[in-house]
Amino acid sequence: MIILKKIIWFCFLLAYSFCFSQAKKPNFVIVIADDHGVLHSTPYGSNIIQTPNMQKLADEGMRFDNAYVASPACAPSRAALFTGLMPYNNGIVGNHEMNLKQGVQSLIPSLIDQGYEVVFQGKVAHGGKNHHGGYIPNNVKVLKRSPRKDTKMSVVANFLKNRKDTRPLALFIGCIDTHTPFPPAGESRIKPEDVIINKRIYTTPEAQLEMSRYIQAAESIDTKLGNILKMSDIYLDKKNTMTVYTSDHGMAWPFAKWSLYETGIRTPLLISWPGKIQPNSTTKAMVSWIDLLPTMIDIADGTVPENIDGKPFTAVILGKKNKHRDAIYATHKGDNEKNVYPIRSVRVGKWKYIRNLHPEFAYTTHTDAWATEVPMTKLHANHAGHHWNSYIKAAKTDPAAANFLTDYHTNPAEELYNLELDPLEQHNLAELPEYSKKLKSLRKMISKRMIEVNDDESLSGPPKLLENFSIMESKIK
């Protein structure tokens, strides 16, 4: 009888301990934007784009100044996020690829094993249901998508209001506003003529109009974020909820999405966690998207798998460290036939090295390829750069426009930048003898890395050779 009582008491303590630990695990609310550039918000220095809710999140928590994605296209970027593996290690390298390498495991089950209810709403994975058998297991609850104009986030609100599950929540919300097509012309708060465009990019009234539409999209995401924060405060324990805002890569714009420049792979990352993260703090620690899920698992007291590339930056979040990675690697294969341009890069400290595997190819993307398409389909019209033909027209009379098109469509085999002095990567130092030692060092790192991950240097489609390409017309001759 005494032994039986001890067994019953032990079981009670075990059950109580488990329930108590479950209650203490924080909720996670992860808001993922689509194509939202790192420089396009108030916390990251924009004086034009008004994002007060992103600023509020930064004020209440931590702004990461050196957060990166693994690849500047949706499919490989998100696959890396949910597997904790870089593209060549998880198998999804080019955009719209869907098959993970055999044996690659999602990190989501590690959260579920820690007692979490995992919920997706909006574009979180890439390709919708196609990925749910890959890096998104079937026991993830997938809510229906809501219209872009639903800034009240009614689907999320209804879910939280009616939620009966007492498990800790890991809620991933995808916002596609900043992915083309942008809001119609005339809906933007800012006038096109007041838009200031990055000096590397030739400015036309049409480009200013296009950017004004994107600005409206970014501000729409901010409104959604504000409503998410409000409903989180109402339905979740604010003091026990970690909120994250980030983006899968830069915007569909020259030298951004589909490139390994900073505006392509450096991403906004804002994290708040009351009582845990010091308010209004910033960090220059270099972190990668492959580190985010391992960090969540670590915070949830789970065991982070050892055979992945990602590693937790929990100590950075809690203010115990100001450094995480010594090097940041990135890979770009391409986006089917529209963007056949494999690139590799590494950042170490202030130095950035980019290797263009085929400088004999013309660099093209949806932006220009579909803008010059004749006839243009309705689908392509939605995602083409409606400003692109204004560059082509200007290049006929203005050498600056012609230089811009040349800069956009062509690249040297190697690029080297000092990001402290040249954050927009406009002054390539690769050819200067005084930087040869640094160039050789970073070149060696990339070559070694490519061997380690079995980089096959494959293409996403048939390339456009520069010898057959009209740069001033942005199309094949």
Protein backbone atom coordinates (compact mmCIF):
# COMPACT_ATOMS: atom_id res chain seq x y z
CA MET A 1 0.00 0.00 0.00
CA ILE A 2 2.83 2.40 0.88
CA ILE A 3 4.57 1.61 -2.41
CA LEU A 4 1.32 2.18 -4.33
CA LYS A 5 0.82 5.56 -2.66
CA LYS A 6 4.38 6.56 -3.56
CA ILE A 7 3.79 5.58 -7.17
CA ILE A 8 0.53 7.59 -7.30
CA TRP A 9 2.23 10.58 -5.69
CA PHE A 10 5.14 10.36 -8.12
CA CYS A 11 2.76 10.25 -11.08
CA PHE A 12 0.90 13.27 -9.71
CA LEU A 13 4.11 15.25 -9.33
CA LEU A 14 5.22 14.26 -12.82
CA ALA A 15 1.89 15.34 -14.34
CA TYR A 16 1.93 18.59 -12.35
CA SER A 17 5.51 19.28 -13.41
CA PHE A 18 4.62 18.67 -17.06
CA CYS A 19 1.57 20.96 -16.92
CA PHE A 20 3.55 23.65 -15.13
CA SER A 21 6.36 23.51 -17.67
CA GLN A 22 3.81 23.70 -20.51
CA ALA A 23 2.26 26.82 -18.96
CA LYS A 24 5.66 28.47 -18.73
CA LYS A 25 6.61 27.88 -22.35
CA PRO A 26 6.19 31.15 -24.25
CA ASN A 27 3.82 31.64 -27.12
CA PHE A 28 5.43 32.52 -30.45
CA VAL A 29 3.82 34.91 -32.94
CA ILE A 30 5.93 34.99 -36.10
CA VAL A 31 4.91 37.49 -38.81
CA ILE A 32 6.62 36.84 -42.15
CA ALA A 33 6.38 39.42 -44.91
CA ASP A 34 6.90 38.58 -48.57
CA ASP A 35 9.51 40.67 -50.44
CA HIS A 36 9.73 43.41 -47.80
CA GLY A 37 13.15 45.08 -48.12
CA VAL A 38 15.31 45.64 -45.06
CA LEU A 39 15.57 49.40 -45.59
CA HIS A 40 11.86 49.92 -46.12
CA SER A 41 10.56 50.60 -42.62
CA THR A 42 10.89 53.19 -39.88
CA PRO A 43 13.07 51.04 -37.56
CA TYR A 44 15.62 50.65 -40.33
CA GLY A 45 15.89 54.33 -41.12
CA SER A 46 13.26 55.08 -43.75
CA ASN A 47 11.99 58.67 -43.61
CA ILE A 48 9.41 58.07 -46.34
CA ILE A 49 7.75 54.81 -45.38
CA GLN A 50 5.69 55.11 -42.20
CA THR A 51 5.60 51.89 -40.17
CA PRO A 52 4.71 52.89 -36.59
CA ASN A 53 3.83 49.33 -35.53
CA MET A 54 7.16 47.97 -36.67
CA GLN A 55 8.74 50.82 -34.74
CA LYS A 56 6.63 49.89 -31.70
CA LEU A 57 7.87 46.31 -31.91
CA ALA A 58 11.46 47.56 -32.15
CA ASP A 59 10.93 49.93 -29.21
CA GLU A 60 9.57 47.11 -27.09
CA GLY A 61 12.29 44.66 -28.08
CA MET A 62 15.38 44.16 -30.22
CA ARG A 63 16.29 45.23 -33.75
CA PHE A 64 18.73 42.98 -35.58
CA ASP A 65 20.92 44.97 -37.97
CA ASN A 66 22.66 41.98 -39.54
CA ALA A 67 19.98 39.35 -40.09
CA TYR A 68 20.15 37.41 -43.35
CA VAL A 69 18.17 34.88 -45.35
CA ALA A 70 19.83 31.89 -47.01
CA SER A 71 18.59 32.74 -50.50
CA PRO A 72 16.85 35.72 -52.17
CA ALA A 73 13.86 33.78 -53.53
CA CYS A 74 10.76 32.51 -51.75
CA ALA A 75 11.04 28.72 -52.03
CA PRO A 76 14.67 28.22 -50.97
CA SER A 77 14.47 30.94 -48.33
CA ARG A 78 11.46 29.37 -46.60
CA ALA A 79 12.74 25.81 -46.95
CA ALA A 80 15.94 26.89 -45.19
CA LEU A 81 13.87 28.52 -42.43
CA PHE A 82 11.87 25.38 -41.64
CA THR A 83 14.70 22.85 -41.99
CA GLY A 84 17.53 24.84 -40.44
CA LEU A 85 19.61 23.81 -43.44
CA MET A 86 21.16 25.86 -46.21
CA PRO A 87 19.73 25.30 -49.71
CA TYR A 88 22.24 22.74 -51.00
CA ASN A 89 21.93 20.82 -47.73
CA ASN A 90 18.11 20.68 -47.74
CA GLY A 91 17.68 20.18 -51.50
CA ILE A 92 15.53 23.21 -52.42
CA VAL A 93 17.94 25.58 -54.17
CA GLY A 94 16.06 27.26 -57.03
CA ASN A 95 12.76 29.08 -56.73
CA HIS A 96 9.67 26.90 -57.21
CA GLU A 97 11.62 23.72 -56.41
CA MET A 98 9.66 21.52 -54.00
CA ASN A 99 11.56 18.35 -53.14
CA LEU A 100 13.71 18.10 -50.05
CA LYS A 101 16.70 15.79 -50.06
CA GLN A 102 15.97 12.30 -48.83
CA GLY A 103 16.31 12.18 -45.07
CA VAL A 104 15.94 15.94 -44.50
CA GLN A 105 13.61 16.61 -41.58
CA SER A 106 11.46 19.61 -40.76
CA LEU A 107 12.08 21.41 -37.47
CA ILE A 108 8.37 21.97 -36.86
CA PRO A 109 7.88 18.56 -35.15
CA SER A 110 10.46 19.62 -32.56
CA LEU A 111 8.07 22.39 -31.49
CA ILE A 112 5.12 20.02 -31.53
CA ASP A 113 7.09 17.60 -29.36
CA GLN A 114 7.46 20.40 -26.82
CA GLY A 115 3.68 20.60 -26.55
CA TYR A 116 3.02 23.42 -29.02
CA GLU A 117 0.02 23.96 -31.19
CA VAL A 118 1.52 25.08 -34.49
CA VAL A 119 -0.71 27.20 -36.74
CA PHE A 120 -0.12 28.77 -40.16
CA GLN A 121 -2.14 31.59 -41.68
CA GLY A 122 -1.38 33.20 -45.03
CA LYS A 123 1.74 32.53 -47.09
CA VAL A 124 4.13 30.92 -44.64
CA ALA A 125 5.34 27.96 -46.66
CA HIS A 126 5.97 28.42 -50.38
CA GLY A 127 3.73 26.65 -52.82
CA GLY A 128 0.77 26.16 -50.52
CA LYS A 129 -0.23 22.55 -49.90
CA ASN A 130 2.60 21.27 -52.09
CA HIS A 131 5.02 21.62 -49.18
CA HIS A 132 2.85 20.26 -46.40
CA GLY A 133 4.24 16.77 -46.92
CA GLY A 134 7.77 18.15 -46.93
CA TYR A 135 8.91 20.64 -44.34
CA ILE A 136 5.37 21.29 -43.04
CA PRO A 137 3.88 18.21 -41.35
CA ASN A 138 0.18 17.38 -41.55
CA ASN A 139 -0.48 18.14 -37.88
CA VAL A 140 0.16 21.84 -38.48
CA LYS A 141 -3.20 23.65 -38.40
CA VAL A 142 -3.52 25.67 -41.62
CA LEU A 143 -6.08 28.48 -41.49
CA LYS A 144 -7.67 29.83 -44.65
CA ARG A 145 -6.03 32.76 -46.35
CA SER A 146 -7.58 36.20 -46.18
CA PRO A 147 -7.82 38.89 -48.87
CA ARG A 148 -4.90 41.31 -49.10
CA LYS A 149 -7.15 44.20 -48.16
CA ASP A 150 -8.23 42.56 -44.92
CA THR A 151 -5.96 44.67 -42.72
CA LYS A 152 -8.03 43.67 -39.67
CA MET A 153 -6.68 40.11 -40.07
CA SER A 154 -10.14 38.71 -39.39
CA VAL A 155 -9.13 35.07 -39.94
CA VAL A 156 -6.46 35.31 -37.25
CA ALA A 157 -8.78 37.28 -34.97
CA ASN A 158 -11.52 34.68 -35.24
CA PHE A 159 -9.07 31.86 -34.58
CA LEU A 160 -7.66 33.48 -31.45
CA LYS A 161 -11.08 34.53 -30.16
CA ASN A 162 -12.53 31.02 -30.46
CA ARG A 163 -9.39 29.04 -29.58
CA LYS A 164 -9.97 26.42 -26.88
CA ASP A 165 -6.58 24.71 -27.02
CA THR A 166 -4.60 25.29 -23.83
CA ARG A 167 -1.24 24.34 -25.31
CA PRO A 168 1.37 27.06 -25.92
CA LEU A 169 0.90 28.52 -29.39
CA ALA A 170 3.34 28.90 -32.27
CA LEU A 171 1.43 31.07 -34.73
CA PHE A 172 3.06 31.82 -38.10
CA ILE A 173 1.36 34.56 -40.16
CA GLY A 174 2.34 35.34 -43.75
CA CYS A 175 1.65 38.76 -45.32
CA ILE A 176 2.02 39.02 -49.10
CA ASP A 177 1.24 42.72 -49.61
CA THR A 178 4.78 43.65 -50.66
CA HIS A 179 4.88 40.85 -53.25
CA THR A 180 3.68 41.93 -56.70
CA PRO A 181 1.10 42.95 -57.74
CA PHE A 182 1.32 46.10 -55.65
CA PRO A 183 -1.78 48.16 -54.77
CA PRO A 184 -3.27 50.12 -57.70
CA ALA A 185 -1.81 53.50 -58.60
CA GLY A 186 -3.46 56.30 -56.66
CA GLU A 187 -4.00 54.34 -53.43
CA SER A 188 -0.67 55.29 -51.92
CA ARG A 189 -0.46 57.85 -49.14
CA ILE A 190 2.70 59.30 -50.68
CA LYS A 191 2.79 61.11 -54.01
CA PRO A 192 5.02 59.50 -56.66
CA GLU A 193 6.96 62.73 -57.16
CA ASP A 194 7.95 62.68 -53.47
CA VAL A 195 9.52 59.24 -53.72
CA ILE A 196 13.31 59.15 -53.49
CA ILE A 197 14.94 56.15 -55.17
CA ASN A 198 18.29 54.55 -54.32
CA LYS A 199 20.95 56.44 -56.27
CA ARG A 200 22.24 53.25 -57.92
CA ILE A 201 18.92 52.96 -59.74
CA TYR A 202 17.98 55.34 -62.53
CA THR A 203 14.97 57.45 -61.57
CA THR A 204 11.99 57.98 -63.86
CA PRO A 205 8.45 59.14 -63.01
CA GLU A 206 7.26 55.61 -63.78
CA ALA A 207 9.77 54.15 -61.31
CA GLN A 208 8.64 56.62 -58.66
CA LEU A 209 5.02 55.60 -59.29
CA GLU A 210 5.90 51.91 -58.97
CA MET A 211 7.78 52.55 -55.73
CA SER A 212 4.87 54.56 -54.33
CA ARG A 213 2.65 51.52 -54.86
CA TYR A 214 5.16 49.35 -53.00
CA ILE A 215 5.28 51.88 -50.16
CA GLN A 216 1.53 51.57 -49.78
CA ALA A 217 1.95 47.79 -49.61
CA ALA A 218 4.61 48.08 -46.88
CA GLU A 219 2.40 50.41 -44.86
CA SER A 220 -0.51 47.99 -45.29
CA ILE A 221 1.60 45.22 -43.73
CA ASP A 222 2.39 47.57 -40.87
CA THR A 223 -1.33 48.10 -40.27
CA LYS A 224 -1.81 44.34 -40.22
CA LEU A 225 1.08 43.97 -37.79
CA GLY A 226 -0.54 46.54 -35.52
CA ASN A 227 -3.79 44.58 -35.45
CA ILE A 228 -1.90 41.34 -34.82
CA LEU A 229 -0.16 42.96 -31.84
CA LYS A 230 -3.50 44.17 -30.45
CA MET A 231 -5.23 40.81 -30.72
CA SER A 232 -2.16 39.08 -29.30
CA ASP A 233 -2.41 41.33 -26.25
CA ILE A 234 -6.09 40.45 -25.87
CA TYR A 235 -6.01 36.70 -26.40
CA LEU A 236 -2.48 35.71 -25.39
CA ASP A 237 -0.40 36.40 -22.31
CA LYS A 238 1.67 39.38 -23.43
CA LYS A 239 4.34 38.78 -20.80
CA ASN A 240 4.75 35.23 -22.05
CA THR A 241 4.66 35.84 -25.80
CA MET A 242 7.63 36.33 -28.11
CA THR A 243 6.70 38.32 -31.23
CA VAL A 244 8.83 38.32 -34.38
CA TYR A 245 8.60 40.38 -37.56
CA THR A 246 10.76 39.47 -40.55
CA SER A 247 10.76 39.02 -44.34
CA ASP A 248 11.84 36.24 -46.71
CA HIS A 249 14.13 38.56 -48.75
CA GLY A 250 14.22 41.95 -50.48
CA MET A 251 11.66 43.52 -52.79
CA ALA A 252 11.25 42.79 -56.50
CA TRP A 253 13.47 45.66 -57.61
CA PRO A 254 16.88 46.04 -59.27
CA PHE A 255 19.79 44.77 -57.14
CA ALA A 256 17.41 43.31 -54.52
CA LYS A 257 15.29 40.15 -54.80
CA TRP A 258 17.06 37.51 -56.92
CA SER A 259 20.45 39.03 -56.05
CA LEU A 260 22.96 38.48 -53.24
CA TYR A 261 23.44 42.18 -52.58
CA GLU A 262 22.52 43.36 -49.09
CA THR A 263 19.14 44.59 -50.33
CA GLY A 264 18.44 41.06 -51.53
CA ILE A 265 19.49 38.90 -48.58
CA ARG A 266 19.69 41.15 -45.52
CA THR A 267 16.28 41.12 -43.88
CA PRO A 268 14.35 43.00 -41.21
CA LEU A 269 14.24 41.11 -37.92
CA LEU A 270 12.43 42.62 -34.94
CA ILE A 271 11.80 40.56 -31.79
CA SER A 272 10.00 41.51 -28.58
CA TRP A 273 9.52 39.43 -25.44
CA PRO A 274 8.46 41.46 -22.37
CA GLY A 275 10.62 40.86 -19.35
CA LYS A 276 13.17 38.89 -21.36
CA ILE A 277 14.38 41.20 -24.13
CA GLN A 278 15.69 44.63 -23.22
CA PRO A 279 13.37 47.25 -24.76
CA ASN A 280 14.73 49.51 -27.50
CA SER A 281 17.84 47.39 -27.94
CA THR A 282 19.82 46.69 -31.11
CA THR A 283 22.41 44.13 -32.06
CA LYS A 284 24.97 43.85 -34.84
CA ALA A 285 25.28 40.09 -34.31
CA MET A 286 25.13 38.29 -37.65
CA VAL A 287 22.28 35.80 -37.66
CA SER A 288 20.61 33.78 -40.38
CA TRP A 289 17.04 32.62 -41.01
CA ILE A 290 18.31 29.06 -40.53
CA ASP A 291 18.87 30.05 -36.88
CA LEU A 292 15.31 31.18 -36.12
CA LEU A 293 13.58 27.80 -35.61
CA PRO A 294 16.54 26.43 -33.59
CA THR A 295 16.23 29.51 -31.37
CA MET A 296 12.52 28.88 -30.83
CA ILE A 297 13.17 25.22 -30.03
CA ASP A 298 15.90 26.22 -27.58
CA ILE A 299 13.63 28.75 -25.86
CA ALA A 300 10.95 26.06 -25.61
CA ASP A 301 13.46 23.81 -23.78
CA GLY A 302 13.63 21.40 -26.71
CA THR A 303 16.71 19.71 -28.11
CA VAL A 304 18.07 21.34 -31.26
CA PRO A 305 19.18 18.71 -33.78
CA GLU A 306 22.94 18.52 -34.15
CA ASN A 307 23.03 17.72 -37.87
CA ILE A 308 21.72 21.09 -39.10
CA ASP A 309 23.35 24.36 -40.14
CA GLY A 310 21.21 26.54 -37.88
CA LYS A 311 22.13 27.31 -34.30
CA PRO A 312 20.21 29.17 -31.58
CA PHE A 313 20.89 32.85 -30.96
CA THR A 314 18.99 32.81 -27.66
CA ALA A 315 21.95 34.35 -25.84
CA VAL A 316 21.85 37.33 -28.24
CA ILE A 317 18.11 37.83 -27.64
CA LEU A 318 18.62 37.79 -23.88
CA GLY A 319 21.48 40.29 -24.08
CA LYS A 320 24.12 37.82 -22.92
CA LYS A 321 26.11 37.94 -26.17
CA ASN A 322 26.59 40.45 -28.97
CA LYS A 323 28.03 38.01 -31.51
CA HIS A 324 26.65 34.89 -33.18
CA ARG A 325 28.13 34.00 -36.58
CA ASP A 326 31.57 34.77 -37.97
CA ALA A 327 30.45 34.29 -41.56
CA ILE A 328 27.17 34.50 -43.46
CA TYR A 329 26.80 32.44 -46.64
CA ALA A 330 24.09 32.84 -49.25
CA THR A 331 23.17 31.00 -52.44
CA HIS A 332 21.10 31.86 -55.48
CA LYS A 333 20.37 29.43 -58.29
CA GLY A 334 17.63 31.18 -60.23
CA ASP A 335 13.90 31.34 -60.88
CA ASN A 336 13.13 28.99 -63.76
CA GLU A 337 13.79 30.56 -67.17
CA LYS A 338 13.16 34.15 -66.07
CA ASN A 339 16.23 34.41 -63.85
CA VAL A 340 19.00 31.99 -64.82
CA TYR A 341 21.92 33.40 -62.89
CA PRO A 342 23.71 31.30 -60.21
CA ILE A 343 25.48 33.38 -57.54
CA ARG A 344 27.27 32.61 -54.27
CA SER A 345 28.35 35.00 -51.52
CA VAL A 346 29.95 35.23 -48.10
CA ARG A 347 30.12 38.05 -45.58
CA VAL A 348 32.86 38.18 -42.94
CA GLY A 349 32.89 41.28 -40.75
CA LYS A 350 32.72 44.34 -42.97
CA TRP A 351 33.73 42.40 -46.09
CA LYS A 352 31.37 40.93 -48.67
CA TYR A 353 32.43 38.66 -51.52
CA ILE A 354 30.13 37.71 -54.42
CA ARG A 355 30.90 35.12 -57.08
CA ASN A 356 28.88 35.23 -60.29
CA LEU A 357 29.31 31.74 -61.69
CA HIS A 358 28.47 32.73 -65.26
CA PRO A 359 29.31 36.37 -66.05
CA GLU A 360 28.74 35.52 -69.71
CA PHE A 361 25.01 35.27 -68.97
CA ALA A 362 22.65 38.22 -69.13
CA TYR A 363 21.10 38.90 -65.72
CA THR A 364 17.30 39.07 -66.02
CA THR A 365 14.30 38.68 -63.67
CA HIS A 366 10.50 38.74 -63.84
CA THR A 367 10.73 42.52 -63.52
CA ASP A 368 12.34 43.12 -66.91
CA ALA A 369 11.65 39.83 -68.74
CA TRP A 370 7.90 40.10 -68.43
CA ALA A 371 7.86 43.88 -68.95
CA THR A 372 9.35 43.43 -72.42
CA GLU A 373 7.23 40.40 -73.31
CA VAL A 374 5.03 40.64 -76.43
CA PRO A 375 2.24 39.76 -76.13
CA MET A 376 1.98 40.05 -72.35
CA THR A 377 -0.30 37.66 -70.50
CA LYS A 378 -2.52 38.86 -67.65
CA LEU A 379 -0.53 36.84 -65.11
CA HIS A 380 2.74 38.29 -66.31
CA ALA A 381 1.31 41.80 -66.35
CA ASN A 382 0.56 41.45 -62.63
CA HIS A 383 4.20 40.76 -61.82
CA ALA A 384 6.13 42.67 -64.47
CA GLY A 385 7.96 45.87 -63.66
CA HIS A 386 5.61 48.47 -65.09
CA HIS A 387 8.37 51.05 -64.89
CA TRP A 388 10.91 49.02 -66.88
CA ASN A 389 10.14 50.34 -70.35
CA SER A 390 10.74 53.87 -69.07
CA TYR A 391 14.39 52.89 -68.50
CA ILE A 392 14.65 51.55 -72.03
CA LYS A 393 13.15 54.72 -73.46
CA ALA A 394 15.45 56.94 -71.38
CA ALA A 395 18.55 54.95 -72.38
CA LYS A 396 18.11 56.08 -75.98
CA THR A 397 19.06 59.65 -75.04
CA ASP A 398 20.51 59.59 -71.53
CA PRO A 399 23.89 57.87 -70.93
CA ALA A 400 23.03 57.53 -67.21
CA ALA A 401 20.04 55.33 -68.08
CA ALA A 402 22.18 53.30 -70.48
CA ASN A 403 24.79 52.83 -67.76
CA PHE A 404 22.10 51.67 -65.36
CA LEU A 405 20.86 49.01 -67.79
CA THR A 406 24.42 47.82 -68.32
CA ASP A 407 25.01 47.69 -64.57
CA TYR A 408 21.82 45.70 -64.11
CA HIS A 409 22.20 43.15 -66.91
CA THR A 410 25.95 42.47 -66.58
CA ASN A 411 28.23 41.42 -63.72
CA PRO A 412 31.92 40.60 -63.31
CA ALA A 413 33.00 37.15 -62.18
CA GLU A 414 33.89 38.45 -58.71
CA GLU A 415 32.78 41.34 -56.54
CA LEU A 416 34.28 42.59 -53.28
CA TYR A 417 32.77 45.29 -51.07
CA ASN A 418 33.60 47.07 -47.85
CA LEU A 419 30.12 47.32 -46.36
CA GLU A 420 31.08 49.89 -43.75
CA LEU A 421 32.21 52.35 -46.43
CA ASP A 422 29.95 51.16 -49.23
CA PRO A 423 26.68 49.78 -47.82
CA LEU A 424 24.91 49.94 -51.20
CA GLU A 425 27.71 47.90 -52.84
CA GLN A 426 28.45 50.34 -55.63
CA HIS A 427 32.26 50.23 -55.61
CA ASN A 428 33.66 46.84 -56.54
CA LEU A 429 37.16 46.43 -55.08
CA ALA A 430 37.90 43.03 -56.62
CA GLU A 431 40.20 44.40 -59.31
CA LEU A 432 42.27 46.62 -57.02
CA PRO A 433 45.66 45.09 -56.08
CA GLU A 434 45.60 46.47 -52.52
CA TYR A 435 42.65 44.20 -51.75
CA SER A 436 44.04 41.05 -53.39
CA LYS A 437 44.79 39.34 -50.07
CA LYS A 438 41.22 39.83 -48.80
CA LEU A 439 39.84 38.74 -52.17
CA LYS A 440 41.86 35.51 -52.15
CA SER A 441 40.81 34.73 -48.58
CA LEU A 442 37.07 35.08 -49.26
CA ARG A 443 37.37 33.36 -52.64
CA LYS A 444 38.90 30.37 -50.86
CA MET A 445 36.06 30.33 -48.34
CA ILE A 446 33.43 30.16 -51.08
CA SER A 447 35.30 27.47 -53.02
CA LYS A 448 35.63 25.36 -49.89
CA ARG A 449 31.99 25.88 -48.99
CA MET A 450 30.82 24.82 -52.45
CA ILE A 451 32.74 21.57 -52.12
CA GLU A 452 31.40 20.93 -48.60
CA VAL A 453 27.75 21.23 -49.64
CA ASN A 454 28.18 19.39 -52.97
CA ASP A 455 27.25 22.49 -54.94
CA ASP A 456 26.53 21.22 -58.45
CA GLU A 457 26.38 24.73 -59.98
CA SER A 458 23.23 23.68 -61.85
CA LEU A 459 21.02 26.14 -63.70
CA SER A 460 17.31 26.86 -63.22
CA GLY A 461 16.65 26.95 -66.96
CA PRO A 462 18.17 27.89 -70.31
CA PRO A 463 20.40 30.97 -69.94
CA LYS A 464 20.40 34.12 -72.01
CA LEU A 465 23.92 34.71 -73.32
CA LEU A 466 25.10 38.31 -73.37
CA GLU A 467 26.35 37.86 -76.92
CA ASN A 468 22.75 37.28 -78.00
CA PHE A 469 21.20 39.85 -75.70
CA SER A 470 20.33 43.50 -76.33
CA ILE A 471 21.10 45.31 -73.07
CA MET A 472 19.46 48.54 -74.22
CA GLU A 473 16.23 46.68 -75.02
CA SER A 474 16.37 44.19 -72.09
CA LYS A 475 15.68 41.21 -74.34
CA ILE A 476 17.16 38.66 -76.73
CA LYS A 477 18.23 40.21 -80.03
